[in-house]
Each structure stands twice: as structure tokens, then as C-alpha cells.
C-alpha atoms as a PDB file:
ATOM      1  CA  MET A   1      75.362  84.455  14.578  1.00  0.00           C
ATOM      2  CA  ALA A   2      73.388  81.120  14.234  1.00  0.00           C
ATOM      3  CA  GLN A   3      72.538  79.356  17.419  1.00  0.00           C
ATOM      4  CA  GLU A   4      73.389  75.760  17.855  1.00  0.00           C
ATOM      5  CA  ASP A   5      69.676  74.742  17.900  1.00  0.00           C
ATOM      6  CA  GLY A   6      69.283  76.153  14.400  1.00  0.00           C
ATOM      7  CA  SER A   7      66.582  78.715  15.471  1.00  0.00           C
ATOM      8  CA  ASP A   8      67.994  81.451  13.001  1.00  0.00           C
ATOM      9  CA  LEU A   9      67.661  78.949  10.124  1.00  0.00           C
ATOM     10  CA  ASP A  10      64.025  78.036  11.219  1.00  0.00           C
ATOM     11  CA  ALA A  11      63.257  81.855  11.405  1.00  0.00           C
ATOM     12  CA  THR A  12      64.551  82.313   7.827  1.00  0.00           C
ATOM     13  CA  VAL A  13      62.484  79.365   6.650  1.00  0.00           C
ATOM     14  CA  VAL A  14      59.380  80.830   8.294  1.00  0.00           C
ATOM     15  CA  LEU A  15      59.999  84.304   6.812  1.00  0.00           C
ATOM     16  CA  ASP A  16      60.433  82.815   3.364  1.00  0.00           C
ATOM     17  CA  ARG A  17      57.154  80.839   3.656  1.00  0.00           C
ATOM     18  CA  ASN A  18      55.499  83.944   4.929  1.00  0.00           C
ATOM     19  CA  ARG A  19      56.635  85.974   1.780  1.00  0.00           C
ATOM     20  CA  GLU A  20      55.375  83.076  -0.459  1.00  0.00           C
ATOM     21  CA  GLN A  21      51.990  83.331   1.301  1.00  0.00           C
ATOM     22  CA  GLN A  22      51.944  87.065   0.895  1.00  0.00           C
ATOM     23  CA  ALA A  23      52.773  86.731  -2.806  1.00  0.00           C
ATOM     24  CA  ALA A  24      49.942  84.251  -3.112  1.00  0.00           C
ATOM     25  CA  MET A  25      47.432  86.594  -1.472  1.00  0.00           C
ATOM     26  CA  TYR A  26      48.684  90.017  -2.772  1.00  0.00           C
ATOM     27  CA  GLY A  27      50.643  89.171  -5.880  1.00  0.00           C
ATOM     28  CA  GLU A  28      53.864  89.793  -4.361  1.00  0.00           C
ATOM     29  CA  PRO A  29      55.412  89.959  -0.762  1.00  0.00           C
ATOM     30  CA  LEU A  30      54.225  93.031   1.031  1.00  0.00           C
ATOM     31  CA  GLY A  31      57.806  94.289   1.554  1.00  0.00           C
ATOM     32  CA  VAL A  32      58.088  94.561  -2.201  1.00  0.00           C
ATOM     33  CA  LEU A  33      54.727  96.133  -2.484  1.00  0.00           C
ATOM     34  CA  VAL A  34      55.217  98.647   0.351  1.00  0.00           C
ATOM     35  CA  GLY A  35      58.586  99.547  -0.865  1.00  0.00           C
ATOM     36  CA  ARG A  36      57.435 100.301  -4.432  1.00  0.00           C
ATOM     37  CA  ILE A  37      54.480 102.423  -3.079  1.00  0.00           C
ATOM     38  CA  ALA A  38      56.956 104.392  -0.911  1.00  0.00           C
ATOM     39  CA  ASP A  39      59.152 104.968  -3.857  1.00  0.00           C
ATOM     40  CA  GLN A  40      56.382 105.927  -6.400  1.00  0.00           C
ATOM     41  CA  LEU A  41      54.534 108.193  -3.972  1.00  0.00           C
ATOM     42  CA  GLY A  42      57.430 109.518  -1.812  1.00  0.00           C
ATOM     43  CA  LEU A  43      55.985 108.076   1.397  1.00  0.00           C
ATOM     44  CA  THR A  44      57.490 106.523   4.501  1.00  0.00           C
ATOM     45  CA  GLN A  45      56.223 103.140   5.938  1.00  0.00           C
ATOM     46  CA  ALA A  46      54.604 105.081   8.734  1.00  0.00           C
ATOM     47  CA  ARG A  47      52.673 107.423   6.368  1.00  0.00           C
ATOM     48  CA  ILE A  48      51.601 104.387   4.249  1.00  0.00           C
ATOM     49  CA  GLY A  49      50.353 102.805   7.495  1.00  0.00           C
ATOM     50  CA  GLY A  50      48.492 106.009   8.389  1.00  0.00           C
ATOM     51  CA  VAL A  51      46.660 106.035   4.971  1.00  0.00           C
ATOM     52  CA  LEU A  52      45.850 102.222   5.377  1.00  0.00           C
ATOM     53  CA  GLY A  53      44.697 102.753   8.992  1.00  0.00           C
ATOM     54  CA  LEU A  54      47.397 100.492  10.323  1.00  0.00           C
ATOM     55  CA  SER A  55      50.156 101.350  12.775  1.00  0.00           C
ATOM     56  CA  ALA A  56      53.770 101.868  11.893  1.00  0.00           C
ATOM     57  CA  PRO A  57      54.814  98.661  13.759  1.00  0.00           C
ATOM     58  CA  MET A  58      52.086  96.589  11.968  1.00  0.00           C
ATOM     59  CA  ILE A  59      53.277  97.943   8.635  1.00  0.00           C
ATOM     60  CA  SER A  60      56.829  97.045   9.507  1.00  0.00           C
ATOM     61  CA  GLN A  61      55.841  93.588  10.556  1.00  0.00           C
ATOM     62  CA  LEU A  62      53.958  92.980   7.326  1.00  0.00           C
ATOM     63  CA  ALA A  63      56.865  94.364   5.132  1.00  0.00           C
ATOM     64  CA  SER A  64      59.349  92.208   6.833  1.00  0.00           C
ATOM     65  CA  ALA A  65      57.047  89.116   6.690  1.00  0.00           C
ATOM     66  CA  ARG A  66      56.895  88.581  10.475  1.00  0.00           C
ATOM     67  CA  ARG A  67      53.074  88.949   9.843  1.00  0.00           C
ATOM     68  CA  VAL A  68      51.478  87.413   6.773  1.00  0.00           C
ATOM     69  CA  LYS A  69      48.036  88.920   6.344  1.00  0.00           C
ATOM     70  CA  ILE A  70      46.386  92.309   6.616  1.00  0.00           C
ATOM     71  CA  GLY A  71      43.310  91.399   8.729  1.00  0.00           C
ATOM     72  CA  ASN A  72      41.396  94.586   8.050  1.00  0.00           C
ATOM     73  CA  PRO A  73      39.556  94.358   4.766  1.00  0.00           C
ATOM     74  CA  VAL A  74      39.242  98.164   4.643  1.00  0.00           C
ATOM     75  CA  ALA A  75      43.053  98.477   4.817  1.00  0.00           C
ATOM     76  CA  VAL A  76      43.386  95.931   1.970  1.00  0.00           C
ATOM     77  CA  GLN A  77      41.056  97.999  -0.154  1.00  0.00           C
ATOM     78  CA  ARG A  78      42.989 101.037   0.704  1.00  0.00           C
ATOM     79  CA  LEU A  79      46.300  99.361  -0.262  1.00  0.00           C
ATOM     80  CA  GLN A  80      44.766  98.337  -3.637  1.00  0.00           C
ATOM     81  CA  ALA A  81      43.964 102.077  -4.156  1.00  0.00           C
ATOM     82  CA  LEU A  82      47.536 103.022  -3.240  1.00  0.00           C
ATOM     83  CA  VAL A  83      48.931 100.557  -5.704  1.00  0.00           C
ATOM     84  CA  GLU A  84      46.672 102.018  -8.338  1.00  0.00           C
ATOM     85  CA  LEU A  85      47.731 105.554  -7.364  1.00  0.00           C
ATOM     86  CA  GLY A  86      51.476 104.584  -7.448  1.00  0.00           C
ATOM     87  CA  GLY A  87      51.016 103.157 -10.951  1.00  0.00           C
ATOM     88  CA  LEU A  88      49.269 106.284 -12.214  1.00  0.00           C
ATOM     89  CA  VAL A  89      51.978 108.541 -10.686  1.00  0.00           C
ATOM     90  CA  ALA A  90      54.744 106.316 -12.183  1.00  0.00           C
ATOM     91  CA  ALA A  91      53.014 106.542 -15.643  1.00  0.00           C
ATOM     92  CA  ASN A  92      52.690 110.247 -15.292  1.00  0.00           C
ATOM     93  CA  ARG A  93      48.961 110.146 -15.361  1.00  0.00           C
ATOM     94  CA  VAL A  94      48.615 111.712 -12.025  1.00  0.00           C
ATOM     95  CA  ALA A  95      50.658 114.859 -11.153  1.00  0.00           C
ATOM     96  CA  THR A  96      52.723 114.718  -7.924  1.00  0.00           C
ATOM     97  CA  ALA A  97      50.801 117.879  -6.945  1.00  0.00           C
ATOM     98  CA  ASP A  98      47.507 115.945  -6.842  1.00  0.00           C
ATOM     99  CA  VAL A  99      49.015 113.008  -4.676  1.00  0.00           C
ATOM    100  CA  GLU A 100      48.032 114.608  -1.318  1.00  0.00           C
ATOM    101  CA  ALA A 101      44.511 115.079  -2.226  1.00  0.00           C
ATOM    102  CA  ARG A 102      44.195 111.419  -3.536  1.00  0.00           C
ATOM    103  CA  LEU A 103      45.869 110.066  -0.355  1.00  0.00           C
ATOM    104  CA  ALA A 104      43.248 111.929   1.683  1.00  0.00           C
ATOM    105  CA  GLU A 105      40.571 110.402  -0.426  1.00  0.00           C
ATOM    106  CA  ILE A 106      42.022 106.975   0.047  1.00  0.00           C
ATOM    107  CA  ALA A 107      42.411 107.390   3.798  1.00  0.00           C
ATOM    108  CA  GLY A 108      38.792 108.319   3.890  1.00  0.00           C
ATOM    109  CA  GLN A 109      37.556 105.388   2.195  1.00  0.00           C
ATOM    110  CA  ALA A 110      35.093 103.165   4.141  1.00  0.00           C
ATOM    111  CA  ALA A 111      34.587  99.432   3.633  1.00  0.00           C
ATOM    112  CA  VAL A 112      32.978  98.315   0.406  1.00  0.00           C
ATOM    113  CA  VAL A 113      31.227  95.007   1.117  1.00  0.00           C
ATOM    114  CA  THR A 114      29.770  93.276  -1.907  1.00  0.00           C
ATOM    115  CA  ARG A 115      28.027  89.977  -2.282  1.00  0.00           C
ATOM    116  CA  GLY A 116      27.346  87.772  -5.258  1.00  0.00           C
ATOM    117  CA  SER A 117      24.123  88.161  -7.248  1.00  0.00           C
ATOM    118  CA  THR A 118      22.694  85.119  -5.591  1.00  0.00           C
ATOM    119  CA  THR A 119      22.757  86.872  -2.122  1.00  0.00           C
ATOM    120  CA  GLY A 120      21.299  90.136  -3.430  1.00  0.00           C
ATOM    121  CA  GLY A 121      24.062  92.460  -2.193  1.00  0.00           C
ATOM    122  CA  THR A 122      24.821  95.626  -3.915  1.00  0.00           C
ATOM    123  CA  LEU A 123      27.758  97.870  -4.573  1.00  0.00           C
ATOM    124  CA  THR A 124      27.696 101.276  -2.826  1.00  0.00           C
ATOM    125  CA  THR A 125      27.266 104.369  -4.968  1.00  0.00           C
ATOM    126  CA  ARG A 126      30.721 105.629  -3.967  1.00  0.00           C
ATOM    127  CA  ALA A 127      32.423 102.228  -4.723  1.00  0.00           C
ATOM    128  CA  ALA A 128      30.626 102.244  -8.068  1.00  0.00           C
ATOM    129  CA  VAL A 129      31.765 105.635  -8.943  1.00  0.00           C
ATOM    130  CA  ARG A 130      35.438 104.916  -7.735  1.00  0.00           C
ATOM    131  CA  SER A 131      35.355 101.873 -10.059  1.00  0.00           C
ATOM    132  CA  VAL A 132      34.215 103.883 -13.063  1.00  0.00           C
ATOM    133  CA  GLN A 133      36.804 106.648 -12.230  1.00  0.00           C
ATOM    134  CA  ALA A 134      39.591 104.004 -11.904  1.00  0.00           C
ATOM    135  CA  LEU A 135      38.678 102.622 -15.237  1.00  0.00           C
ATOM    136  CA  PHE A 136      38.842 105.929 -16.965  1.00  0.00           C
ATOM    137  CA  ARG A 137      42.073 106.785 -15.209  1.00  0.00           C
ATOM    138  CA  ALA A 138      43.599 103.500 -16.169  1.00  0.00           C
ATOM    139  CA  VAL A 139      43.130 104.195 -19.939  1.00  0.00           C
ATOM    140  CA  ALA A 140      43.818 107.880 -20.310  1.00  0.00           C
ATOM    141  CA  SER A 141      45.107 110.929 -18.506  1.00  0.00           C
ATOM    142  CA  ALA A 142      42.701 113.649 -17.326  1.00  0.00           C
ATOM    143  CA  GLU A 143      43.973 115.881 -20.111  1.00  0.00           C
ATOM    144  CA  GLU A 144      43.287 113.212 -22.741  1.00  0.00           C
ATOM    145  CA  ILE A 145      39.671 112.607 -21.318  1.00  0.00           C
ATOM    146  CA  LEU A 146      38.931 116.416 -21.387  1.00  0.00           C
ATOM    147  CA  ASP A 147      40.197 116.628 -24.858  1.00  0.00           C
ATOM    148  CA  ALA A 148      37.895 113.839 -25.898  1.00  0.00           C
ATOM    149  CA  ALA A 149      35.019 115.465 -24.128  1.00  0.00           C
ATOM    150  CA  ALA A 150      35.623 118.751 -25.839  1.00  0.00           C
ATOM    151  CA  SER A 151      35.742 116.990 -29.164  1.00  0.00           C
ATOM    152  CA  ILE A 152      32.138 115.540 -28.726  1.00  0.00           C
ATOM    153  CA  GLU A 153      30.632 118.175 -26.586  1.00  0.00           C
ATOM    154  CA  ALA A 154      28.652 120.088 -29.293  1.00  0.00           C
ATOM    155  CA  GLY A 155      26.885 116.942 -30.627  1.00  0.00           C
ATOM    156  CA  HIS A 156      26.794 114.860 -27.416  1.00  0.00           C
ATOM    157  CA  PRO A 157      26.824 117.057 -24.436  1.00  0.00           C
ATOM    158  CA  GLU A 158      25.575 114.336 -21.981  1.00  0.00           C
ATOM    159  CA  ILE A 159      28.343 111.892 -23.023  1.00  0.00           C
ATOM    160  CA  ALA A 160      30.877 114.726 -22.685  1.00  0.00           C
ATOM    161  CA  ALA A 161      29.673 115.415 -19.199  1.00  0.00           C
ATOM    162  CA  VAL A 162      30.062 111.836 -18.248  1.00  0.00           C
ATOM    163  CA  LEU A 163      33.643 111.895 -19.525  1.00  0.00           C
ATOM    164  CA  LYS A 164      34.467 115.146 -17.663  1.00  0.00           C
ATOM    165  CA  VAL A 165      32.888 114.137 -14.352  1.00  0.00           C
ATOM    166  CA  TYR A 166      34.061 110.558 -14.112  1.00  0.00           C
ATOM    167  CA  GLY A 167      37.243 110.729 -16.081  1.00  0.00           C
ATOM    168  CA  ALA A 168      38.698 114.041 -14.794  1.00  0.00           C
ATOM    169  CA  GLY A 169      36.528 115.206 -11.933  1.00  0.00           C
ATOM    170  CA  ARG A 170      36.538 114.760  -8.137  1.00  0.00           C
ATOM    171  CA  THR A 171      34.825 111.717  -6.612  1.00  0.00           C
ATOM    172  CA  GLY A 172      32.224 113.909  -4.803  1.00  0.00           C
ATOM    173  CA  ASP A 173      31.124 115.541  -8.103  1.00  0.00           C
ATOM    174  CA  ALA A 174      30.863 112.011  -9.735  1.00  0.00           C
ATOM    175  CA  VAL A 175      28.732 110.783  -6.827  1.00  0.00           C
ATOM    176  CA  ALA A 176      26.448 113.778  -7.140  1.00  0.00           C
ATOM    177  CA  HIS A 177      26.176 113.165 -10.931  1.00  0.00           C
ATOM    178  CA  TYR A 178      25.425 109.633 -10.358  1.00  0.00           C
ATOM    179  CA  ALA A 179      22.719 110.343  -7.831  1.00  0.00           C
ATOM    180  CA  ALA A 180      21.189 112.989 -10.133  1.00  0.00           C
ATOM    181  CA  ASN A 181      21.009 110.519 -12.986  1.00  0.00           C
ATOM    182  CA  VAL A 182      20.387 107.142 -11.307  1.00  0.00           C
ATOM    183  CA  GLU A 183      16.638 107.182 -12.019  1.00  0.00           C
ATOM    184  CA  GLN A 184      17.440 106.840 -15.819  1.00  0.00           C
ATOM    185  CA  LEU A 185      19.137 103.570 -15.278  1.00  0.00           C
END
């Protein structure tokens, strides 16, 4: 029931404004984003919060637009990874049996701080590897990548190895491959 001073109306206006700000920052209100991730990956808000490194009450406040912004940049990076994973699962490019392992990888991600070329900052090895993996996985399934690798392996074994390791392999294996071959760059 609305109070005579109009405070319920004021609260609605504030929440609507907060959702607009979230949409400007994250592409859509966090309630929609968190809801889609929950549906695609079969997770509760509390579990999403755990993967992001945020408390269940914080996720609730963000999803309901009582809070606008995720203040932790690592949590924002993890949220982006969850969105990507949800899209891959929805497109049948990642099997539901693989989701738990991917969630553990995402939860274990540390901050990746990059700077523009004018400041001399660099991307970490793991972040570079994850970016390459995300690119491969956005364009083809692991099965398709492995088929492509098999078709060129006889004539181009090094290229086939790159396809296998970065397109269908585990992040740890790809980091090791990168470290072993970085001198050739």
C-alpha cells in the first residue's frame, strides 16, 4: 500500500533508474542477466554469488536493483565468463556434464588488469590463453575443432596441436603449451 508521502513511488523511480544504469554498464539489468545465467546453467542466485565471490545478499541486492554496480572488478570478469559459459551451454557447445569444471575454473580466476599500450601494461599468460580459448569456443564446438585438427594433422602437426590445445583442451594445458612456445613469438 502506498504511503501518503509517496515514498513507494519514489522507491519505484529509484529502482527503475538503477536498472537503467545497470543496463548502461552491463548491457541489461543485472536481474535479467543473473536470471538468464541461472536458467542456462541451472544455478541458484546464491551459487552464482559463490562463483563470482559475492555474498547471496549482495547478489539479491544487485538483481533487484537495490544496488547498481558490482564494485569488485574480479567479480565483473567472472560474471562475463558466466555469461559466455551460459551462452555456450544454451547453444549446445558445452555439455552440461562439463559445467561444474568450468564453474570451478571461473571461480578460481584472479584479476586480469590490463593497461593501454601507452602505459606499457601486459596481459597475463592465463588471461591471454583464456581469450584465445574463448575465441575458438565461440566459433566452433570442441568436436568440430578436433575434427579440423585431425584433417590437417598429417601435413601441419603444429597447427593441429594449437587447435587441439586451445580449441578443445583444458586451460592448464594451454598455459603450458603457451609457456613452452612463447620464445618463438
